[in-house]
Amino acid sequence: LGGDMKLDGLKVKIEIGDYEYEIDHMAPIRIENLPAGEYQVKVSL
């Protein structure tokens, strides 16, 4: 909110434990094959 990811040069970084992924637009991100366990999911702009 408050900006445009493309026009403002933004990206979102997803960190799930030691796994990372980056995306430059708004869309649901699917994750497969995560091992069992407790995770801290951090989503950063």
ModelCIF file with pLDDT and N, C-alpha, C, O atoms, coordinates in Angstrom:
data_MODEL
#
_entry.id   MODEL 
#
_entity.id                         1 
_entity.type                       polymer 
_entity.pdbx_number_of_molecules   1 
#
_entity_poly.entity_id                      1 
_entity_poly.type                           'polypeptide(L)' 
_entity_poly.nstd_linkage                   no 
_entity_poly.nstd_monomer                   no 
_entity_poly.pdbx_seq_one_letter_code       LGGDMKLDGLKVKIEIGDYEYEIDHMAPIRIENLPAGEYQVKVSL 
_entity_poly.pdbx_seq_one_letter_code_can   LGGDMKLDGLKVKIEIGDYEYEIDHMAPIRIENLPAGEYQVKVSL 
_entity_poly.pdbx_strand_id                 A 
#
loop_
_entity_poly_seq.entity_id 
_entity_poly_seq.num 
_entity_poly_seq.mon_id 
_entity_poly_seq.hetero 
1 1  LEU n 
1 2  GLY n 
1 3  GLY n 
1 4  ASP n 
1 5  MET n 
1 6  LYS n 
1 7  LEU n 
1 8  ASP n 
1 9  GLY n 
1 10 LEU n 
1 11 LYS n 
1 12 VAL n 
1 13 LYS n 
1 14 ILE n 
1 15 GLU n 
1 16 ILE n 
1 17 GLY n 
1 18 ASP n 
1 19 TYR n 
1 20 GLU n 
1 21 TYR n 
1 22 GLU n 
1 23 ILE n 
1 24 ASP n 
1 25 HIS n 
1 26 MET n 
1 27 ALA n 
1 28 PRO n 
1 29 ILE n 
1 30 ARG n 
1 31 ILE n 
1 32 GLU n 
1 33 ASN n 
1 34 LEU n 
1 35 PRO n 
1 36 ALA n 
1 37 GLY n 
1 38 GLU n 
1 39 TYR n 
1 40 GLN n 
1 41 VAL n 
1 42 LYS n 
1 43 VAL n 
1 44 SER n 
1 45 LEU n 
#
_struct_asym.id          A 
_struct_asym.entity_id   1 
#
loop_
_ma_qa_metric.id 
_ma_qa_metric.mode 
_ma_qa_metric.name 
_ma_qa_metric.software_group_id 
_ma_qa_metric.type 
1 global pLDDT . pLDDT 
2 local  pLDDT . pLDDT 
#
_ma_qa_metric_global.metric_id      1 
_ma_qa_metric_global.metric_value   96.33 
_ma_qa_metric_global.model_id       1 
_ma_qa_metric_global.ordinal_id     1 
#
loop_
_ma_qa_metric_local.label_asym_id 
_ma_qa_metric_local.label_comp_id 
_ma_qa_metric_local.label_seq_id 
_ma_qa_metric_local.metric_id 
_ma_qa_metric_local.metric_value 
_ma_qa_metric_local.model_id 
_ma_qa_metric_local.ordinal_id 
A LEU 1  2 97.00 1 1  
A GLY 2  2 95.00 1 2  
A GLY 3  2 94.00 1 3  
A ASP 4  2 95.00 1 4  
A MET 5  2 97.00 1 5  
A LYS 6  2 96.00 1 6  
A LEU 7  2 96.00 1 7  
A ASP 8  2 96.00 1 8  
A GLY 9  2 97.00 1 9  
A LEU 10 2 98.00 1 10 
A LYS 11 2 98.00 1 11 
A VAL 12 2 98.00 1 12 
A LYS 13 2 98.00 1 13 
A ILE 14 2 98.00 1 14 
A GLU 15 2 97.00 1 15 
A ILE 16 2 97.00 1 16 
A GLY 17 2 94.00 1 17 
A ASP 18 2 93.00 1 18 
A TYR 19 2 96.00 1 19 
A GLU 20 2 96.00 1 20 
A TYR 21 2 97.00 1 21 
A GLU 22 2 97.00 1 22 
A ILE 23 2 97.00 1 23 
A ASP 24 2 97.00 1 24 
A HIS 25 2 97.00 1 25 
A MET 26 2 97.00 1 26 
A ALA 27 2 97.00 1 27 
A PRO 28 2 98.00 1 28 
A ILE 29 2 98.00 1 29 
A ARG 30 2 97.00 1 30 
A ILE 31 2 96.00 1 31 
A GLU 32 2 94.00 1 32 
A ASN 33 2 93.00 1 33 
A LEU 34 2 94.00 1 34 
A PRO 35 2 93.00 1 35 
A ALA 36 2 94.00 1 36 
A GLY 37 2 95.00 1 37 
A GLU 38 2 97.00 1 38 
A TYR 39 2 97.00 1 39 
A GLN 40 2 97.00 1 40 
A VAL 41 2 98.00 1 41 
A LYS 42 2 97.00 1 42 
A VAL 43 2 98.00 1 43 
A SER 44 2 97.00 1 44 
A LEU 45 2 97.00 1 45 
#
loop_
_atom_site.group_PDB 
_atom_site.id 
_atom_site.type_symbol 
_atom_site.label_atom_id 
_atom_site.label_alt_id 
_atom_site.label_comp_id 
_atom_site.label_asym_id 
_atom_site.label_entity_id 
_atom_site.label_seq_id 
_atom_site.pdbx_PDB_ins_code 
_atom_site.Cartn_x 
_atom_site.Cartn_y 
_atom_site.Cartn_z 
_atom_site.occupancy 
_atom_site.B_iso_or_equiv 
_atom_site.pdbx_formal_charge 
_atom_site.auth_seq_id 
_atom_site.auth_comp_id 
_atom_site.auth_asym_id 
_atom_site.auth_atom_id 
_atom_site.pdbx_PDB_model_num 
ATOM 1   N N  . LEU A 1 1  ? 0.834  -1.207  0.000   1.00 97.00 ? 1  LEU A N  1 
ATOM 2   C CA . LEU A 1 1  ? 0.000  0.000   0.000   1.00 97.00 ? 1  LEU A CA 1 
ATOM 3   C C  . LEU A 1 1  ? 0.860  1.245   0.000   1.00 97.00 ? 1  LEU A C  1 
ATOM 4   O O  . LEU A 1 1  ? 1.988  1.243   0.494   1.00 97.00 ? 1  LEU A O  1 
ATOM 5   N N  . GLY A 1 2  ? 0.307  2.316   -0.565  1.00 95.00 ? 2  GLY A N  1 
ATOM 6   C CA . GLY A 1 2  ? 1.013  3.590   -0.576  1.00 95.00 ? 2  GLY A CA 1 
ATOM 7   C C  . GLY A 1 2  ? 2.072  3.711   -1.647  1.00 95.00 ? 2  GLY A C  1 
ATOM 8   O O  . GLY A 1 2  ? 2.893  4.627   -1.601  1.00 95.00 ? 2  GLY A O  1 
ATOM 9   N N  . GLY A 1 3  ? 2.072  2.801   -2.615  1.00 94.00 ? 3  GLY A N  1 
ATOM 10  C CA . GLY A 1 3  ? 3.063  2.864   -3.676  1.00 94.00 ? 3  GLY A CA 1 
ATOM 11  C C  . GLY A 1 3  ? 2.805  1.811   -4.731  1.00 94.00 ? 3  GLY A C  1 
ATOM 12  O O  . GLY A 1 3  ? 1.933  0.957   -4.570  1.00 94.00 ? 3  GLY A O  1 
ATOM 13  N N  . ASP A 1 4  ? 3.561  1.873   -5.804  1.00 95.00 ? 4  ASP A N  1 
ATOM 14  C CA . ASP A 1 4  ? 3.472  0.911   -6.896  1.00 95.00 ? 4  ASP A CA 1 
ATOM 15  C C  . ASP A 1 4  ? 4.797  0.167   -6.986  1.00 95.00 ? 4  ASP A C  1 
ATOM 16  O O  . ASP A 1 4  ? 5.852  0.789   -7.110  1.00 95.00 ? 4  ASP A O  1 
ATOM 17  N N  . MET A 1 5  ? 4.751  -1.150  -6.924  1.00 97.00 ? 5  MET A N  1 
ATOM 18  C CA . MET A 1 5  ? 5.995  -1.915  -6.858  1.00 97.00 ? 5  MET A CA 1 
ATOM 19  C C  . MET A 1 5  ? 6.875  -1.689  -8.077  1.00 97.00 ? 5  MET A C  1 
ATOM 20  O O  . MET A 1 5  ? 8.092  -1.565  -7.940  1.00 97.00 ? 5  MET A O  1 
ATOM 21  N N  . LYS A 1 6  ? 6.292  -1.633  -9.255  1.00 96.00 ? 6  LYS A N  1 
ATOM 22  C CA . LYS A 1 6  ? 7.071  -1.443  -10.478 1.00 96.00 ? 6  LYS A CA 1 
ATOM 23  C C  . LYS A 1 6  ? 7.599  -0.013  -10.567 1.00 96.00 ? 6  LYS A C  1 
ATOM 24  O O  . LYS A 1 6  ? 8.798  0.201   -10.747 1.00 96.00 ? 6  LYS A O  1 
ATOM 25  N N  . LEU A 1 7  ? 6.686  0.979   -10.439 1.00 96.00 ? 7  LEU A N  1 
ATOM 26  C CA . LEU A 1 7  ? 7.077  2.373   -10.616 1.00 96.00 ? 7  LEU A CA 1 
ATOM 27  C C  . LEU A 1 7  ? 8.032  2.852   -9.529  1.00 96.00 ? 7  LEU A C  1 
ATOM 28  O O  . LEU A 1 7  ? 8.908  3.677   -9.793  1.00 96.00 ? 7  LEU A O  1 
ATOM 29  N N  . ASP A 1 8  ? 7.872  2.344   -8.310  1.00 96.00 ? 8  ASP A N  1 
ATOM 30  C CA . ASP A 1 8  ? 8.695  2.792   -7.191  1.00 96.00 ? 8  ASP A CA 1 
ATOM 31  C C  . ASP A 1 8  ? 9.928  1.924   -6.971  1.00 96.00 ? 8  ASP A C  1 
ATOM 32  O O  . ASP A 1 8  ? 10.693 2.158   -6.035  1.00 96.00 ? 8  ASP A O  1 
ATOM 33  N N  . GLY A 1 9  ? 10.126 0.925   -7.825  1.00 97.00 ? 9  GLY A N  1 
ATOM 34  C CA . GLY A 1 9  ? 11.316 0.086   -7.705  1.00 97.00 ? 9  GLY A CA 1 
ATOM 35  C C  . GLY A 1 9  ? 11.355 -0.710  -6.420  1.00 97.00 ? 9  GLY A C  1 
ATOM 36  O O  . GLY A 1 9  ? 12.350 -0.691  -5.695  1.00 97.00 ? 9  GLY A O  1 
ATOM 37  N N  . LEU A 1 10 ? 10.243 -1.428  -6.133  1.00 98.00 ? 10 LEU A N  1 
ATOM 38  C CA . LEU A 1 10 ? 10.133 -2.182  -4.892  1.00 98.00 ? 10 LEU A CA 1 
ATOM 39  C C  . LEU A 1 10 ? 10.107 -3.690  -5.152  1.00 98.00 ? 10 LEU A C  1 
ATOM 40  O O  . LEU A 1 10 ? 9.801  -4.143  -6.255  1.00 98.00 ? 10 LEU A O  1 
ATOM 41  N N  . LYS A 1 11 ? 10.426 -4.434  -4.133  1.00 98.00 ? 11 LYS A N  1 
ATOM 42  C CA . LYS A 1 11 ? 10.296 -5.891  -4.173  1.00 98.00 ? 11 LYS A CA 1 
ATOM 43  C C  . LYS A 1 11 ? 9.945  -6.377  -2.773  1.00 98.00 ? 11 LYS A C  1 
ATOM 44  O O  . LYS A 1 11 ? 10.160 -5.678  -1.783  1.00 98.00 ? 11 LYS A O  1 
ATOM 45  N N  . VAL A 1 12 ? 9.411  -7.564  -2.712  1.00 98.00 ? 12 VAL A N  1 
ATOM 46  C CA . VAL A 1 12 ? 9.076  -8.177  -1.430  1.00 98.00 ? 12 VAL A CA 1 
ATOM 47  C C  . VAL A 1 12 ? 9.950  -9.424  -1.253  1.00 98.00 ? 12 VAL A C  1 
ATOM 48  O O  . VAL A 1 12 ? 10.052 -10.268 -2.143  1.00 98.00 ? 12 VAL A O  1 
ATOM 49  N N  . LYS A 1 13 ? 10.561 -9.507  -0.101  1.00 98.00 ? 13 LYS A N  1 
ATOM 50  C CA . LYS A 1 13 ? 11.419 -10.649 0.228   1.00 98.00 ? 13 LYS A CA 1 
ATOM 51  C C  . LYS A 1 13 ? 10.715 -11.523 1.243   1.00 98.00 ? 13 LYS A C  1 
ATOM 52  O O  . LYS A 1 13 ? 10.260 -11.032 2.276   1.00 98.00 ? 13 LYS A O  1 
ATOM 53  N N  . ILE A 1 14 ? 10.620 -12.814 0.962   1.00 98.00 ? 14 ILE A N  1 
ATOM 54  C CA . ILE A 1 14 ? 10.007 -13.775 1.878   1.00 98.00 ? 14 ILE A CA 1 
ATOM 55  C C  . ILE A 1 14 ? 11.096 -14.662 2.448   1.00 98.00 ? 14 ILE A C  1 
ATOM 56  O O  . ILE A 1 14 ? 11.848 -15.291 1.703   1.00 98.00 ? 14 ILE A O  1 
ATOM 57  N N  . GLU A 1 15 ? 11.180 -14.713 3.766   1.00 97.00 ? 15 GLU A N  1 
ATOM 58  C CA . GLU A 1 15 ? 12.138 -15.583 4.446   1.00 97.00 ? 15 GLU A CA 1 
ATOM 59  C C  . GLU A 1 15 ? 11.353 -16.557 5.319   1.00 97.00 ? 15 GLU A C  1 
ATOM 60  O O  . GLU A 1 15 ? 10.599 -16.147 6.201   1.00 97.00 ? 15 GLU A O  1 
ATOM 61  N N  . ILE A 1 16 ? 11.537 -17.834 5.067   1.00 97.00 ? 16 ILE A N  1 
ATOM 62  C CA . ILE A 1 16 ? 10.899 -18.889 5.863   1.00 97.00 ? 16 ILE A CA 1 
ATOM 63  C C  . ILE A 1 16 ? 12.021 -19.755 6.418   1.00 97.00 ? 16 ILE A C  1 
ATOM 64  O O  . ILE A 1 16 ? 12.519 -20.654 5.740   1.00 97.00 ? 16 ILE A O  1 
ATOM 65  N N  . GLY A 1 17 ? 12.412 -19.476 7.653   1.00 94.00 ? 17 GLY A N  1 
ATOM 66  C CA . GLY A 1 17 ? 13.601 -20.143 8.170   1.00 94.00 ? 17 GLY A CA 1 
ATOM 67  C C  . GLY A 1 17 ? 14.802 -19.768 7.322   1.00 94.00 ? 17 GLY A C  1 
ATOM 68  O O  . GLY A 1 17 ? 15.126 -18.588 7.189   1.00 94.00 ? 17 GLY A O  1 
ATOM 69  N N  . ASP A 1 18 ? 15.472 -20.774 6.742   1.00 93.00 ? 18 ASP A N  1 
ATOM 70  C CA . ASP A 1 18 ? 16.648 -20.542 5.899   1.00 93.00 ? 18 ASP A CA 1 
ATOM 71  C C  . ASP A 1 18 ? 16.309 -20.427 4.420   1.00 93.00 ? 18 ASP A C  1 
ATOM 72  O O  . ASP A 1 18 ? 17.211 -20.302 3.591   1.00 93.00 ? 18 ASP A O  1 
ATOM 73  N N  . TYR A 1 19 ? 15.029 -20.465 4.074   1.00 96.00 ? 19 TYR A N  1 
ATOM 74  C CA . TYR A 1 19 ? 14.614 -20.404 2.673   1.00 96.00 ? 19 TYR A CA 1 
ATOM 75  C C  . TYR A 1 19 ? 14.187 -18.978 2.331   1.00 96.00 ? 19 TYR A C  1 
ATOM 76  O O  . TYR A 1 19 ? 13.512 -18.314 3.118   1.00 96.00 ? 19 TYR A O  1 
ATOM 77  N N  . GLU A 1 20 ? 14.597 -18.512 1.129   1.00 96.00 ? 20 GLU A N  1 
ATOM 78  C CA . GLU A 1 20 ? 14.307 -17.136 0.728   1.00 96.00 ? 20 GLU A CA 1 
ATOM 79  C C  . GLU A 1 20 ? 13.751 -17.092 -0.694  1.00 96.00 ? 20 GLU A C  1 
ATOM 80  O O  . GLU A 1 20 ? 14.040 -17.947 -1.530  1.00 96.00 ? 20 GLU A O  1 
ATOM 81  N N  . TYR A 1 21 ? 12.939 -16.057 -0.933  1.00 97.00 ? 21 TYR A N  1 
ATOM 82  C CA . TYR A 1 21 ? 12.353 -15.848 -2.255  1.00 97.00 ? 21 TYR A CA 1 
ATOM 83  C C  . TYR A 1 21 ? 12.022 -14.374 -2.389  1.00 97.00 ? 21 TYR A C  1 
ATOM 84  O O  . TYR A 1 21 ? 11.631 -13.735 -1.412  1.00 97.00 ? 21 TYR A O  1 
ATOM 85  N N  . GLU A 1 22 ? 12.177 -13.822 -3.601  1.00 97.00 ? 22 GLU A N  1 
ATOM 86  C CA . GLU A 1 22 ? 11.863 -12.422 -3.855  1.00 97.00 ? 22 GLU A CA 1 
ATOM 87  C C  . GLU A 1 22 ? 10.883 -12.310 -5.010  1.00 97.00 ? 22 GLU A C  1 
ATOM 88  O O  . GLU A 1 22 ? 10.904 -13.115 -5.942  1.00 97.00 ? 22 GLU A O  1 
ATOM 89  N N  . ILE A 1 23 ? 10.017 -11.295 -4.937  1.00 97.00 ? 23 ILE A N  1 
ATOM 90  C CA . ILE A 1 23 ? 9.003  -11.083 -5.963  1.00 97.00 ? 23 ILE A CA 1 
ATOM 91  C C  . ILE A 1 23 ? 8.839  -9.578  -6.175  1.00 97.00 ? 23 ILE A C  1 
ATOM 92  O O  . ILE A 1 23 ? 8.921  -8.801  -5.224  1.00 97.00 ? 23 ILE A O  1 
ATOM 93  N N  . ASP A 1 24 ? 8.606  -9.166  -7.437  1.00 97.00 ? 24 ASP A N  1 
ATOM 94  C CA . ASP A 1 24 ? 8.510  -7.738  -7.749  1.00 97.00 ? 24 ASP A CA 1 
ATOM 95  C C  . ASP A 1 24 ? 7.092  -7.302  -8.102  1.00 97.00 ? 24 ASP A C  1 
ATOM 96  O O  . ASP A 1 24 ? 6.901  -6.239  -8.693  1.00 97.00 ? 24 ASP A O  1 
ATOM 97  N N  . HIS A 1 25 ? 6.095  -8.113  -7.747  1.00 97.00 ? 25 HIS A N  1 
ATOM 98  C CA . HIS A 1 25 ? 4.698  -7.749  -7.983  1.00 97.00 ? 25 HIS A CA 1 
ATOM 99  C C  . HIS A 1 25 ? 3.829  -8.449  -6.945  1.00 97.00 ? 25 HIS A C  1 
ATOM 100 O O  . HIS A 1 25 ? 4.283  -9.370  -6.266  1.00 97.00 ? 25 HIS A O  1 
ATOM 101 N N  . MET A 1 26 ? 2.586  -8.011  -6.827  1.00 97.00 ? 26 MET A N  1 
ATOM 102 C CA . MET A 1 26 ? 1.686  -8.616  -5.850  1.00 97.00 ? 26 MET A CA 1 
ATOM 103 C C  . MET A 1 26 ? 1.016  -9.854  -6.447  1.00 97.00 ? 26 MET A C  1 
ATOM 104 O O  . MET A 1 26 ? 0.320  -9.771  -7.459  1.00 97.00 ? 26 MET A O  1 
ATOM 105 N N  . ALA A 1 27 ? 1.237  -10.996 -5.809  1.00 97.00 ? 27 ALA A N  1 
ATOM 106 C CA . ALA A 1 27 ? 0.620  -12.256 -6.223  1.00 97.00 ? 27 ALA A CA 1 
ATOM 107 C C  . ALA A 1 27 ? 0.786  -13.252 -5.090  1.00 97.00 ? 27 ALA A C  1 
ATOM 108 O O  . ALA A 1 27 ? 1.785  -13.200 -4.373  1.00 97.00 ? 27 ALA A O  1 
ATOM 109 N N  . PRO A 1 28 ? -0.173 -14.167 -4.908  1.00 98.00 ? 28 PRO A N  1 
ATOM 110 C CA . PRO A 1 28 ? -0.004 -15.210 -3.895  1.00 98.00 ? 28 PRO A CA 1 
ATOM 111 C C  . PRO A 1 28 ? 1.179  -16.109 -4.263  1.00 98.00 ? 28 PRO A C  1 
ATOM 112 O O  . PRO A 1 28 ? 1.309  -16.543 -5.408  1.00 98.00 ? 28 PRO A O  1 
ATOM 113 N N  . ILE A 1 29 ? 2.027  -16.376 -3.290  1.00 98.00 ? 29 ILE A N  1 
ATOM 114 C CA . ILE A 1 29 ? 3.215  -17.205 -3.499  1.00 98.00 ? 29 ILE A CA 1 
ATOM 115 C C  . ILE A 1 29 ? 2.979  -18.551 -2.831  1.00 98.00 ? 29 ILE A C  1 
ATOM 116 O O  . ILE A 1 29 ? 2.678  -18.622 -1.640  1.00 98.00 ? 29 ILE A O  1 
ATOM 117 N N  . ARG A 1 30 ? 3.121  -19.613 -3.611  1.00 97.00 ? 30 ARG A N  1 
ATOM 118 C CA . ARG A 1 30 ? 2.961  -20.963 -3.094  1.00 97.00 ? 30 ARG A CA 1 
ATOM 119 C C  . ARG A 1 30 ? 4.325  -21.549 -2.732  1.00 97.00 ? 30 ARG A C  1 
ATOM 120 O O  . ARG A 1 30 ? 5.322  -21.292 -3.407  1.00 97.00 ? 30 ARG A O  1 
ATOM 121 N N  . ILE A 1 31 ? 4.353  -22.338 -1.662  1.00 96.00 ? 31 ILE A N  1 
ATOM 122 C CA . ILE A 1 31 ? 5.588  -23.009 -1.241  1.00 96.00 ? 31 ILE A CA 1 
ATOM 123 C C  . ILE A 1 31 ? 5.288  -24.494 -1.081  1.00 96.00 ? 31 ILE A C  1 
ATOM 124 O O  . ILE A 1 31 ? 4.326  -24.876 -0.415  1.00 96.00 ? 31 ILE A O  1 
ATOM 125 N N  . GLU A 1 32 ? 6.114  -25.319 -1.693  1.00 94.00 ? 32 GLU A N  1 
ATOM 126 C CA . GLU A 1 32 ? 5.948  -26.772 -1.620  1.00 94.00 ? 32 GLU A CA 1 
ATOM 127 C C  . GLU A 1 32 ? 7.152  -27.410 -0.940  1.00 94.00 ? 32 GLU A C  1 
ATOM 128 O O  . GLU A 1 32 ? 8.274  -26.910 -1.021  1.00 94.00 ? 32 GLU A O  1 
ATOM 129 N N  . ASN A 1 33 ? 6.889  -28.532 -0.264  1.00 93.00 ? 33 ASN A N  1 
ATOM 130 C CA . ASN A 1 33 ? 7.924  -29.429 0.272   1.00 93.00 ? 33 ASN A CA 1 
ATOM 131 C C  . ASN A 1 33 ? 8.701  -28.853 1.450   1.00 93.00 ? 33 ASN A C  1 
ATOM 132 O O  . ASN A 1 33 ? 9.856  -29.221 1.666   1.00 93.00 ? 33 ASN A O  1 
ATOM 133 N N  . LEU A 1 34 ? 8.078  -27.945 2.222   1.00 94.00 ? 34 LEU A N  1 
ATOM 134 C CA . LEU A 1 34 ? 8.737  -27.488 3.443   1.00 94.00 ? 34 LEU A CA 1 
ATOM 135 C C  . LEU A 1 34 ? 8.824  -28.645 4.436   1.00 94.00 ? 34 LEU A C  1 
ATOM 136 O O  . LEU A 1 34 ? 7.816  -29.299 4.700   1.00 94.00 ? 34 LEU A O  1 
ATOM 137 N N  . PRO A 1 35 ? 9.998  -28.910 4.987   1.00 93.00 ? 35 PRO A N  1 
ATOM 138 C CA . PRO A 1 35 ? 10.103 -29.961 5.996   1.00 93.00 ? 35 PRO A CA 1 
ATOM 139 C C  . PRO A 1 35 ? 9.283  -29.618 7.240   1.00 93.00 ? 35 PRO A C  1 
ATOM 140 O O  . PRO A 1 35 ? 9.019  -28.446 7.509   1.00 93.00 ? 35 PRO A O  1 
ATOM 141 N N  . ALA A 1 36 ? 8.891  -30.619 7.979   1.00 94.00 ? 36 ALA A N  1 
ATOM 142 C CA . ALA A 1 36 ? 8.124  -30.400 9.205   1.00 94.00 ? 36 ALA A CA 1 
ATOM 143 C C  . ALA A 1 36 ? 8.955  -29.577 10.188  1.00 94.00 ? 36 ALA A C  1 
ATOM 144 O O  . ALA A 1 36 ? 10.174 -29.725 10.271  1.00 94.00 ? 36 ALA A O  1 
ATOM 145 N N  . GLY A 1 37 ? 8.272  -28.710 10.926  1.00 95.00 ? 37 GLY A N  1 
ATOM 146 C CA . GLY A 1 37 ? 8.963  -27.898 11.919  1.00 95.00 ? 37 GLY A CA 1 
ATOM 147 C C  . GLY A 1 37 ? 8.244  -26.589 12.160  1.00 95.00 ? 37 GLY A C  1 
ATOM 148 O O  . GLY A 1 37 ? 7.221  -26.300 11.540  1.00 95.00 ? 37 GLY A O  1 
ATOM 149 N N  . GLU A 1 38 ? 8.792  -25.802 13.068  1.00 97.00 ? 38 GLU A N  1 
ATOM 150 C CA . GLU A 1 38 ? 8.255  -24.460 13.360  1.00 97.00 ? 38 GLU A CA 1 
ATOM 151 C C  . GLU A 1 38 ? 9.106  -23.428 12.650  1.00 97.00 ? 38 GLU A C  1 
ATOM 152 O O  . GLU A 1 38 ? 10.335 -23.488 12.699  1.00 97.00 ? 38 GLU A O  1 
ATOM 153 N N  . TYR A 1 39 ? 8.448  -22.465 11.980  1.00 97.00 ? 39 TYR A N  1 
ATOM 154 C CA . TYR A 1 39 ? 9.156  -21.479 11.173  1.00 97.00 ? 39 TYR A CA 1 
ATOM 155 C C  . TYR A 1 39 ? 8.746  -20.064 11.540  1.00 97.00 ? 39 TYR A C  1 
ATOM 156 O O  . TYR A 1 39 ? 7.600  -19.803 11.906  1.00 97.00 ? 39 TYR A O  1 
ATOM 157 N N  . GLN A 1 40 ? 9.710  -19.155 11.435  1.00 97.00 ? 40 GLN A N  1 
ATOM 158 C CA . GLN A 1 40 ? 9.428  -17.726 11.459  1.00 97.00 ? 40 GLN A CA 1 
ATOM 159 C C  . GLN A 1 40 ? 9.331  -17.273 10.012  1.00 97.00 ? 40 GLN A C  1 
ATOM 160 O O  . GLN A 1 40 ? 10.312 -17.335 9.270   1.00 97.00 ? 40 GLN A O  1 
ATOM 161 N N  . VAL A 1 41 ? 8.155  -16.818 9.611   1.00 98.00 ? 41 VAL A N  1 
ATOM 162 C CA . VAL A 1 41 ? 7.949  -16.322 8.259   1.00 98.00 ? 41 VAL A CA 1 
ATOM 163 C C  . VAL A 1 41 ? 8.052  -14.801 8.306   1.00 98.00 ? 41 VAL A C  1 
ATOM 164 O O  . VAL A 1 41 ? 7.232  -14.135 8.937   1.00 98.00 ? 41 VAL A O  1 
ATOM 165 N N  . LYS A 1 42 ? 9.068  -14.258 7.632   1.00 97.00 ? 42 LYS A N  1 
ATOM 166 C CA . LYS A 1 42 ? 9.267  -12.812 7.598   1.00 97.00 ? 42 LYS A CA 1 
ATOM 167 C C  . LYS A 1 42 ? 9.045  -12.317 6.174   1.00 97.00 ? 42 LYS A C  1 
ATOM 168 O O  . LYS A 1 42 ? 9.685  -12.783 5.232   1.00 97.00 ? 42 LYS A O  1 
ATOM 169 N N  . VAL A 1 43 ? 8.127  -11.365 6.035   1.00 98.00 ? 43 VAL A N  1 
ATOM 170 C CA . VAL A 1 43 ? 7.837  -10.758 4.738   1.00 98.00 ? 43 VAL A CA 1 
ATOM 171 C C  . VAL A 1 43 ? 8.251  -9.302  4.829   1.00 98.00 ? 43 VAL A C  1 
ATOM 172 O O  . VAL A 1 43 ? 7.736  -8.554  5.659   1.00 98.00 ? 43 VAL A O  1 
ATOM 173 N N  . SER A 1 44 ? 9.194  -8.896  3.962   1.00 97.00 ? 44 SER A N  1 
ATOM 174 C CA . SER A 1 44 ? 9.773  -7.548  4.051   1.00 97.00 ? 44 SER A CA 1 
ATOM 175 C C  . SER A 1 44 ? 9.625  -6.816  2.725   1.00 97.00 ? 44 SER A C  1 
ATOM 176 O O  . SER A 1 44 ? 9.781  -7.406  1.656   1.00 97.00 ? 44 SER A O  1 
ATOM 177 N N  . LEU A 1 45 ? 9.323  -5.526  2.808   1.00 97.00 ? 45 LEU A N  1 
ATOM 178 C CA . LEU A 1 45 ? 9.254  -4.662  1.636   1.00 97.00 ? 45 LEU A CA 1 
ATOM 179 C C  . LEU A 1 45 ? 10.584 -3.926  1.507   1.00 97.00 ? 45 LEU A C  1 
ATOM 180 O O  . LEU A 1 45 ? 10.764 -3.133  0.583   1.00 97.00 ? 45 LEU A O  1 
#
